[in-house]
Amino acid sequence: MDKFIPPEKRSKKEQKKLNAKRRRTWGEMSPVTRTVPNGKAYDRKKLKNDERRNSRNFREDGPAVLLLWAV
């Protein structure tokens, strides 16, 4: 049986082998932290999209007709 040698005292090559053996993968889970967007925060994109959807021309004619009138 081999004598115990602490990891700090081993050669760099042996330390790498030991660390690689101890390391695990994340598997299906992503290690990136995800945050929920703040619903109360000002969002310019959301405001623009809401205005476009609620405009009178969009509801009556649809987006394709608006493009034809602009030509």
PDB file of N, CA and C in Angstrom:
ATOM      1  N   MET A   1       0.837  -1.182   0.000  1.00  0.00           N
ATOM      2  CA  MET A   1       0.000   0.000   0.000  1.00  0.00           C
ATOM      3  C   MET A   1       0.883   1.247   0.000  1.00  0.00           C
ATOM      4  N   ASP A   2       0.478   2.227  -0.774  1.00  0.00           N
ATOM      5  CA  ASP A   2       1.255   3.455  -0.884  1.00  0.00           C
ATOM      6  C   ASP A   2       1.118   4.313   0.361  1.00  0.00           C
ATOM      7  N   LYS A   3       2.167   5.058   0.636  1.00  0.00           N
ATOM      8  CA  LYS A   3       2.151   5.963   1.765  1.00  0.00           C
ATOM      9  C   LYS A   3       1.392   7.230   1.369  1.00  0.00           C
ATOM     10  N   PHE A   4       0.652   7.806   2.307  1.00  0.00           N
ATOM     11  CA  PHE A   4      -0.115   9.024   2.019  1.00  0.00           C
ATOM     12  C   PHE A   4       0.817  10.214   1.886  1.00  0.00           C
ATOM     13  N   ILE A   5       0.643  10.936   0.767  1.00  0.00           N
ATOM     14  CA  ILE A   5       1.394  12.167   0.542  1.00  0.00           C
ATOM     15  C   ILE A   5       0.358  13.264   0.319  1.00  0.00           C
ATOM     16  N   PRO A   6       0.424  14.347   1.073  1.00  0.00           N
ATOM     17  CA  PRO A   6      -0.561  15.408   0.893  1.00  0.00           C
ATOM     18  C   PRO A   6      -0.497  15.997  -0.523  1.00  0.00           C
ATOM     19  N   PRO A   7      -1.643  16.440  -1.038  1.00  0.00           N
ATOM     20  CA  PRO A   7      -1.682  16.960  -2.413  1.00  0.00           C
ATOM     21  C   PRO A   7      -0.724  18.131  -2.651  1.00  0.00           C
ATOM     22  N   GLU A   8      -0.513  18.966  -1.634  1.00  0.00           N
ATOM     23  CA  GLU A   8       0.374  20.131  -1.805  1.00  0.00           C
ATOM     24  C   GLU A   8       1.817  19.708  -2.050  1.00  0.00           C
ATOM     25  N   LYS A   9       2.197  18.554  -1.537  1.00  0.00           N
ATOM     26  CA  LYS A   9       3.589  18.109  -1.642  1.00  0.00           C
ATOM     27  C   LYS A   9       3.845  17.258  -2.882  1.00  0.00           C
ATOM     28  N   ARG A  10       2.793  16.934  -3.627  1.00  0.00           N
ATOM     29  CA  ARG A  10       2.960  16.120  -4.831  1.00  0.00           C
ATOM     30  C   ARG A  10       3.456  16.979  -5.984  1.00  0.00           C
ATOM     31  N   SER A  11       3.926  16.324  -7.032  1.00  0.00           N
ATOM     32  CA  SER A  11       4.384  17.056  -8.216  1.00  0.00           C
ATOM     33  C   SER A  11       3.174  17.689  -8.908  1.00  0.00           C
ATOM     34  N   LYS A  12       3.440  18.674  -9.755  1.00  0.00           N
ATOM     35  CA  LYS A  12       2.362  19.369 -10.458  1.00  0.00           C
ATOM     36  C   LYS A  12       1.540  18.391 -11.299  1.00  0.00           C
ATOM     37  N   LYS A  13       2.219  17.454 -11.921  1.00  0.00           N
ATOM     38  CA  LYS A  13       1.545  16.463 -12.750  1.00  0.00           C
ATOM     39  C   LYS A  13       0.587  15.614 -11.915  1.00  0.00           C
ATOM     40  N   GLU A  14       1.038  15.176 -10.759  1.00  0.00           N
ATOM     41  CA  GLU A  14       0.206  14.370  -9.866  1.00  0.00           C
ATOM     42  C   GLU A  14      -0.962  15.198  -9.307  1.00  0.00           C
ATOM     43  N   GLN A  15      -0.696  16.474  -9.004  1.00  0.00           N
ATOM     44  CA  GLN A  15      -1.763  17.353  -8.511  1.00  0.00           C
ATOM     45  C   GLN A  15      -2.855  17.511  -9.577  1.00  0.00           C
ATOM     46  N   LYS A  16      -2.438  17.663 -10.843  1.00  0.00           N
ATOM     47  CA  LYS A  16      -3.408  17.801 -11.936  1.00  0.00           C
ATOM     48  C   LYS A  16      -4.269  16.551 -12.055  1.00  0.00           C
ATOM     49  N   LYS A  17      -3.650  15.382 -11.978  1.00  0.00           N
ATOM     50  CA  LYS A  17      -4.391  14.117 -12.058  1.00  0.00           C
ATOM     51  C   LYS A  17      -5.405  14.018 -10.920  1.00  0.00           C
ATOM     52  N   LEU A  18      -4.975  14.353  -9.717  1.00  0.00           N
ATOM     53  CA  LEU A  18      -5.851  14.277  -8.547  1.00  0.00           C
ATOM     54  C   LEU A  18      -7.018  15.262  -8.665  1.00  0.00           C
ATOM     55  N   ASN A  19      -6.714  16.497  -9.086  1.00  0.00           N
ATOM     56  CA  ASN A  19      -7.768  17.501  -9.241  1.00  0.00           C
ATOM     57  C   ASN A  19      -8.765  17.111 -10.325  1.00  0.00           C
ATOM     58  N   ALA A  20      -8.272  16.540 -11.424  1.00  0.00           N
ATOM     59  CA  ALA A  20      -9.148  16.100 -12.512  1.00  0.00           C
ATOM     60  C   ALA A  20     -10.080  14.985 -12.037  1.00  0.00           C
ATOM     61  N   LYS A  21      -9.582  14.121 -11.165  1.00  0.00           N
ATOM     62  CA  LYS A  21     -10.390  13.030 -10.638  1.00  0.00           C
ATOM     63  C   LYS A  21     -11.481  13.565  -9.700  1.00  0.00           C
ATOM     64  N   ARG A  22     -11.173  14.601  -8.946  1.00  0.00           N
ATOM     65  CA  ARG A  22     -12.134  15.179  -7.995  1.00  0.00           C
ATOM     66  C   ARG A  22     -13.199  16.045  -8.679  1.00  0.00           C
ATOM     67  N   ARG A  23     -12.829  16.621  -9.823  1.00  0.00           N
ATOM     68  CA  ARG A  23     -13.732  17.536 -10.521  1.00  0.00           C
ATOM     69  C   ARG A  23     -14.939  16.795 -11.073  1.00  0.00           C
ATOM     70  N   ARG A  24     -16.067  17.476 -11.086  1.00  0.00           N
ATOM     71  CA  ARG A  24     -17.284  16.911 -11.658  1.00  0.00           C
ATOM     72  C   ARG A  24     -17.827  17.869 -12.703  1.00  0.00           C
ATOM     73  N   THR A  25     -18.750  17.376 -13.526  1.00  0.00           N
ATOM     74  CA  THR A  25     -19.384  18.228 -14.531  1.00  0.00           C
ATOM     75  C   THR A  25     -20.697  18.755 -13.980  1.00  0.00           C
ATOM     76  N   TRP A  26     -21.221  19.792 -14.623  1.00  0.00           N
ATOM     77  CA  TRP A  26     -22.506  20.353 -14.218  1.00  0.00           C
ATOM     78  C   TRP A  26     -23.659  19.531 -14.786  1.00  0.00           C
ATOM     79  N   GLY A  27     -23.374  18.686 -15.767  1.00  0.00           N
ATOM     80  CA  GLY A  27     -24.427  17.861 -16.363  1.00  0.00           C
ATOM     81  C   GLY A  27     -25.400  18.718 -17.150  1.00  0.00           C
ATOM     82  N   GLU A  28     -26.680  18.536 -16.894  1.00  0.00           N
ATOM     83  CA  GLU A  28     -27.728  19.265 -17.605  1.00  0.00           C
ATOM     84  C   GLU A  28     -27.882  20.700 -17.112  1.00  0.00           C
ATOM     85  N   MET A  29     -27.438  20.959 -15.890  1.00  0.00           N
ATOM     86  CA  MET A  29     -27.625  22.281 -15.304  1.00  0.00           C
ATOM     87  C   MET A  29     -26.552  23.257 -15.790  1.00  0.00           C
ATOM     88  N   SER A  30     -26.954  24.482 -16.074  1.00  0.00           N
ATOM     89  CA  SER A  30     -26.021  25.510 -16.498  1.00  0.00           C
ATOM     90  C   SER A  30     -25.539  26.280 -15.271  1.00  0.00           C
ATOM     91  N   PRO A  31     -24.225  26.515 -15.143  1.00  0.00           N
ATOM     92  CA  PRO A  31     -23.721  27.207 -13.963  1.00  0.00           C
ATOM     93  C   PRO A  31     -23.958  28.714 -13.982  1.00  0.00           C
ATOM     94  N   VAL A  32     -24.522  29.246 -15.065  1.00  0.00           N
ATOM     95  CA  VAL A  32     -24.739  30.677 -15.185  1.00  0.00           C
ATOM     96  C   VAL A  32     -25.914  31.092 -14.301  1.00  0.00           C
ATOM     97  N   THR A  33     -25.737  32.135 -13.532  1.00  0.00           N
ATOM     98  CA  THR A  33     -26.796  32.622 -12.660  1.00  0.00           C
ATOM     99  C   THR A  33     -27.850  33.341 -13.489  1.00  0.00           C
ATOM    100  N   ARG A  34     -29.095  32.993 -13.276  1.00  0.00           N
ATOM    101  CA  ARG A  34     -30.186  33.627 -14.011  1.00  0.00           C
ATOM    102  C   ARG A  34     -30.975  34.505 -13.062  1.00  0.00           C
ATOM    103  N   THR A  35     -31.406  35.656 -13.572  1.00  0.00           N
ATOM    104  CA  THR A  35     -32.197  36.563 -12.753  1.00  0.00           C
ATOM    105  C   THR A  35     -33.552  36.793 -13.408  1.00  0.00           C
ATOM    106  N   VAL A  36     -34.531  37.080 -12.589  1.00  0.00           N
ATOM    107  CA  VAL A  36     -35.865  37.396 -13.074  1.00  0.00           C
ATOM    108  C   VAL A  36     -35.912  38.896 -13.326  1.00  0.00           C
ATOM    109  N   PRO A  37     -36.375  39.317 -14.522  1.00  0.00           N
ATOM    110  CA  PRO A  37     -36.429  40.755 -14.781  1.00  0.00           C
ATOM    111  C   PRO A  37     -37.410  41.455 -13.854  1.00  0.00           C
ATOM    112  N   ASN A  38     -37.078  42.687 -13.488  1.00  0.00           N
ATOM    113  CA  ASN A  38     -37.908  43.477 -12.589  1.00  0.00           C
ATOM    114  C   ASN A  38     -39.128  43.975 -13.357  1.00  0.00           C
ATOM    115  N   GLY A  39     -40.307  43.606 -12.905  1.00  0.00           N
ATOM    116  CA  GLY A  39     -41.539  44.002 -13.574  1.00  0.00           C
ATOM    117  C   GLY A  39     -41.839  45.479 -13.441  1.00  0.00           C
ATOM    118  N   LYS A  40     -41.316  46.127 -12.422  1.00  0.00           N
ATOM    119  CA  LYS A  40     -41.588  47.548 -12.188  1.00  0.00           C
ATOM    120  C   LYS A  40     -40.599  48.458 -12.910  1.00  0.00           C
ATOM    121  N   ALA A  41     -39.519  47.900 -13.419  1.00  0.00           N
ATOM    122  CA  ALA A  41     -38.475  48.706 -14.061  1.00  0.00           C
ATOM    123  C   ALA A  41     -38.969  49.237 -15.405  1.00  0.00           C
ATOM    124  N   TYR A  42     -38.444  50.384 -15.805  1.00  0.00           N
ATOM    125  CA  TYR A  42     -38.795  51.002 -17.079  1.00  0.00           C
ATOM    126  C   TYR A  42     -38.152  50.208 -18.211  1.00  0.00           C
ATOM    127  N   ASP A  43     -38.950  49.761 -19.166  1.00  0.00           N
ATOM    128  CA  ASP A  43     -38.449  48.987 -20.286  1.00  0.00           C
ATOM    129  C   ASP A  43     -38.928  49.644 -21.576  1.00  0.00           C
ATOM    130  N   ARG A  44     -38.020  50.304 -22.268  1.00  0.00           N
ATOM    131  CA  ARG A  44     -38.381  51.058 -23.473  1.00  0.00           C
ATOM    132  C   ARG A  44     -38.918  50.142 -24.568  1.00  0.00           C
ATOM    133  N   LYS A  45     -38.315  48.964 -24.753  1.00  0.00           N
ATOM    134  CA  LYS A  45     -38.774  48.036 -25.789  1.00  0.00           C
ATOM    135  C   LYS A  45     -40.209  47.590 -25.533  1.00  0.00           C
ATOM    136  N   LYS A  46     -40.497  47.250 -24.288  1.00  0.00           N
ATOM    137  CA  LYS A  46     -41.843  46.802 -23.946  1.00  0.00           C
ATOM    138  C   LYS A  46     -42.848  47.925 -24.205  1.00  0.00           C
ATOM    139  N   LEU A  47     -42.492  49.142 -23.865  1.00  0.00           N
ATOM    140  CA  LEU A  47     -43.371  50.286 -24.062  1.00  0.00           C
ATOM    141  C   LEU A  47     -43.657  50.497 -25.552  1.00  0.00           C
ATOM    142  N   LYS A  48     -42.615  50.422 -26.392  1.00  0.00           N
ATOM    143  CA  LYS A  48     -42.797  50.588 -27.837  1.00  0.00           C
ATOM    144  C   LYS A  48     -43.689  49.499 -28.417  1.00  0.00           C
ATOM    145  N   ASN A  49     -43.441  48.248 -28.022  1.00  0.00           N
ATOM    146  CA  ASN A  49     -44.251  47.145 -28.542  1.00  0.00           C
ATOM    147  C   ASN A  49     -45.706  47.289 -28.127  1.00  0.00           C
ATOM    148  N   ASP A  50     -45.953  47.692 -26.902  1.00  0.00           N
ATOM    149  CA  ASP A  50     -47.327  47.881 -26.438  1.00  0.00           C
ATOM    150  C   ASP A  50     -48.020  48.987 -27.230  1.00  0.00           C
ATOM    151  N   GLU A  51     -47.301  50.073 -27.520  1.00  0.00           N
ATOM    152  CA  GLU A  51     -47.879  51.170 -28.291  1.00  0.00           C
ATOM    153  C   GLU A  51     -48.209  50.723 -29.709  1.00  0.00           C
ATOM    154  N   ARG A  52     -47.329  49.936 -30.304  1.00  0.00           N
ATOM    155  CA  ARG A  52     -47.582  49.447 -31.666  1.00  0.00           C
ATOM    156  C   ARG A  52     -48.803  48.536 -31.702  1.00  0.00           C
ATOM    157  N   ARG A  53     -48.909  47.649 -30.728  1.00  0.00           N
ATOM    158  CA  ARG A  53     -50.032  46.717 -30.698  1.00  0.00           C
ATOM    159  C   ARG A  53     -51.356  47.431 -30.445  1.00  0.00           C
ATOM    160  N   ASN A  54     -51.326  48.461 -29.644  1.00  0.00           N
ATOM    161  CA  ASN A  54     -52.554  49.145 -29.268  1.00  0.00           C
ATOM    162  C   ASN A  54     -52.952  50.267 -30.227  1.00  0.00           C
ATOM    163  N   SER A  55     -52.118  50.543 -31.235  1.00  0.00           N
ATOM    164  CA  SER A  55     -52.461  51.636 -32.149  1.00  0.00           C
ATOM    165  C   SER A  55     -53.680  51.252 -32.983  1.00  0.00           C
ATOM    166  N   ARG A  56     -54.467  52.233 -33.358  1.00  0.00           N
ATOM    167  CA  ARG A  56     -55.725  51.999 -34.061  1.00  0.00           C
ATOM    168  C   ARG A  56     -55.473  51.397 -35.450  1.00  0.00           C
ATOM    169  N   ASN A  57     -54.485  51.870 -36.177  1.00  0.00           N
ATOM    170  CA  ASN A  57     -54.200  51.366 -37.522  1.00  0.00           C
ATOM    171  C   ASN A  57     -53.779  49.902 -37.498  1.00  0.00           C
ATOM    172  N   PHE A  58     -53.037  49.520 -36.508  1.00  0.00           N
ATOM    173  CA  PHE A  58     -52.574  48.135 -36.413  1.00  0.00           C
ATOM    174  C   PHE A  58     -53.759  47.195 -36.233  1.00  0.00           C
ATOM    175  N   ARG A  59     -54.712  47.578 -35.400  1.00  0.00           N
ATOM    176  CA  ARG A  59     -55.860  46.710 -35.135  1.00  0.00           C
ATOM    177  C   ARG A  59     -56.782  46.613 -36.349  1.00  0.00           C
ATOM    178  N   GLU A  60     -57.012  47.699 -37.074  1.00  0.00           N
ATOM    179  CA  GLU A  60     -57.960  47.687 -38.183  1.00  0.00           C
ATOM    180  C   GLU A  60     -57.368  47.073 -39.444  1.00  0.00           C
ATOM    181  N   ASP A  61     -56.177  47.510 -39.821  1.00  0.00           N
ATOM    182  CA  ASP A  61     -55.624  47.106 -41.105  1.00  0.00           C
ATOM    183  C   ASP A  61     -54.614  45.969 -40.999  1.00  0.00           C
ATOM    184  N   GLY A  62     -53.918  45.869 -39.912  1.00  0.00           N
ATOM    185  CA  GLY A  62     -52.871  44.866 -39.770  1.00  0.00           C
ATOM    186  C   GLY A  62     -51.532  45.443 -40.190  1.00  0.00           C
ATOM    187  N   PRO A  63     -50.434  44.809 -39.827  1.00  0.00           N
ATOM    188  CA  PRO A  63     -49.105  45.353 -40.092  1.00  0.00           C
ATOM    189  C   PRO A  63     -48.739  45.358 -41.578  1.00  0.00           C
ATOM    190  N   ALA A  64     -49.224  44.408 -42.390  1.00  0.00           N
ATOM    191  CA  ALA A  64     -48.850  44.335 -43.795  1.00  0.00           C
ATOM    192  C   ALA A  64     -49.406  45.529 -44.576  1.00  0.00           C
ATOM    193  N   VAL A  65     -50.621  45.952 -44.253  1.00  0.00           N
ATOM    194  CA  VAL A  65     -51.253  47.057 -44.958  1.00  0.00           C
ATOM    195  C   VAL A  65     -50.539  48.365 -44.631  1.00  0.00           C
ATOM    196  N   LEU A  66     -50.060  48.522 -43.431  1.00  0.00           N
ATOM    197  CA  LEU A  66     -49.344  49.731 -43.063  1.00  0.00           C
ATOM    198  C   LEU A  66     -48.079  49.915 -43.907  1.00  0.00           C
ATOM    199  N   LEU A  67     -47.423  48.801 -44.220  1.00  0.00           N
ATOM    200  CA  LEU A  67     -46.224  48.881 -45.045  1.00  0.00           C
ATOM    201  C   LEU A  67     -46.552  49.302 -46.473  1.00  0.00           C
ATOM    202  N   LEU A  68     -47.686  48.861 -46.999  1.00  0.00           N
ATOM    203  CA  LEU A  68     -48.081  49.227 -48.363  1.00  0.00           C
ATOM    204  C   LEU A  68     -48.406  50.700 -48.468  1.00  0.00           C
ATOM    205  N   TRP A  69     -49.030  51.274 -47.434  1.00  0.00           N
ATOM    206  CA  TRP A  69     -49.396  52.688 -47.470  1.00  0.00           C
ATOM    207  C   TRP A  69     -48.161  53.579 -47.431  1.00  0.00           C
ATOM    208  N   ALA A  70     -47.094  53.096 -46.816  1.00  0.00           N
ATOM    209  CA  ALA A  70     -45.886  53.905 -46.689  1.00  0.00           C
ATOM    210  C   ALA A  70     -45.146  54.030 -48.020  1.00  0.00           C
ATOM    211  N   VAL A  71     -45.380  53.132 -48.949  1.00  0.00           N
ATOM    212  CA  VAL A  71     -44.649  53.128 -50.232  1.00  0.00           C
ATOM    213  C   VAL A  71     -45.132  54.161 -51.165  1.00  0.00           C
TER     214      VAL A  71
END
